[in-house]
Amino acid sequence: MDKVYVTKDELTKTFATQREKAGPFLSVLIVLGLCVSLIWAIPLVVFWMVYFIFCIPFVFVDRLFKRRK
């Protein structure tokens, strides 16, 4: 297997050309995808935080019942 050496300049040029190839339509789709992900992720995180806060008192109730046995 041959080794391929990539310099930092070549890598930077590659990213720059890829960025130029991505037109405004693709850029809008990427931004829209990120926004939709955030719209989906934020309520999910809030739900789990509220769920854990709701469950905390039941930990103490379970410990109370375990001590009685």
Protein backbone atom coordinates (compact mmCIF):
# COMPACT_ATOMS: atom_id res chain seq x y z
CA MET A 1 0.00 0.00 0.00
CA ASP A 2 1.40 3.39 -0.98
CA LYS A 3 1.60 6.27 1.44
CA VAL A 4 -0.02 9.52 0.45
CA TYR A 5 1.21 12.72 1.99
CA VAL A 6 -1.15 15.68 2.07
CA THR A 7 0.19 19.07 2.98
CA LYS A 8 -1.70 21.65 4.94
CA ASP A 9 -1.89 23.93 1.87
CA GLU A 10 -3.42 21.17 -0.27
CA LEU A 11 -5.97 20.40 2.42
CA THR A 12 -6.89 24.08 2.78
CA LYS A 13 -7.27 24.46 -0.98
CA THR A 14 -9.49 21.36 -1.11
CA PHE A 15 -11.83 22.74 1.53
CA ALA A 16 -11.90 26.12 -0.19
CA THR A 17 -12.85 24.58 -3.55
CA GLN A 18 -15.52 22.43 -1.94
CA ARG A 19 -16.96 25.50 -0.26
CA GLU A 20 -17.05 27.30 -3.60
CA LYS A 21 -18.76 24.32 -5.26
CA ALA A 22 -21.55 24.37 -2.68
CA GLY A 23 -24.00 26.86 -4.07
CA PRO A 24 -26.59 28.88 -2.19
CA PHE A 25 -29.23 26.14 -2.51
CA LEU A 26 -27.03 23.57 -0.78
CA SER A 27 -26.02 26.10 1.88
CA VAL A 28 -29.67 26.90 2.60
CA LEU A 29 -30.47 23.19 2.87
CA ILE A 30 -27.63 22.66 5.34
CA VAL A 31 -28.72 25.62 7.50
CA LEU A 32 -32.35 24.45 7.33
CA GLY A 33 -31.27 20.96 8.38
CA LEU A 34 -29.38 22.34 11.36
CA CYS A 35 -32.38 24.45 12.39
CA VAL A 36 -34.73 21.49 12.17
CA SER A 37 -32.30 19.44 14.25
CA LEU A 38 -32.25 22.14 16.93
CA ILE A 39 -36.04 22.43 16.87
CA TRP A 40 -36.18 18.68 17.48
CA ALA A 41 -33.31 18.46 19.98
CA ILE A 42 -34.24 21.33 22.33
CA PRO A 43 -37.67 19.93 23.31
CA LEU A 44 -36.11 16.49 23.72
CA VAL A 45 -33.52 17.80 26.18
CA VAL A 46 -36.14 19.82 28.05
CA PHE A 47 -38.42 16.78 28.28
CA TRP A 48 -35.67 14.61 29.79
CA MET A 49 -34.69 17.31 32.27
CA VAL A 50 -38.30 17.65 33.43
CA TYR A 51 -38.65 13.86 33.52
CA PHE A 52 -35.59 13.47 35.75
CA ILE A 53 -36.77 16.26 38.04
CA PHE A 54 -40.16 14.51 38.25
CA CYS A 55 -38.47 11.20 39.14
CA ILE A 56 -36.28 12.55 41.96
CA PRO A 57 -38.98 12.37 44.69
CA PHE A 58 -39.73 8.76 43.80
CA VAL A 59 -36.13 7.80 44.51
CA PHE A 60 -36.64 8.88 48.11
CA VAL A 61 -40.01 7.11 48.30
CA ASP A 62 -38.42 3.88 47.03
CA ARG A 63 -35.63 4.18 49.59
CA LEU A 64 -38.23 4.66 52.31
CA PHE A 65 -40.07 1.48 51.30
CA LYS A 66 -36.82 -0.48 51.04
CA ARG A 67 -35.84 0.49 54.58
CA ARG A 68 -39.16 -0.78 55.96
CA LYS A 69 -38.59 -4.33 54.69
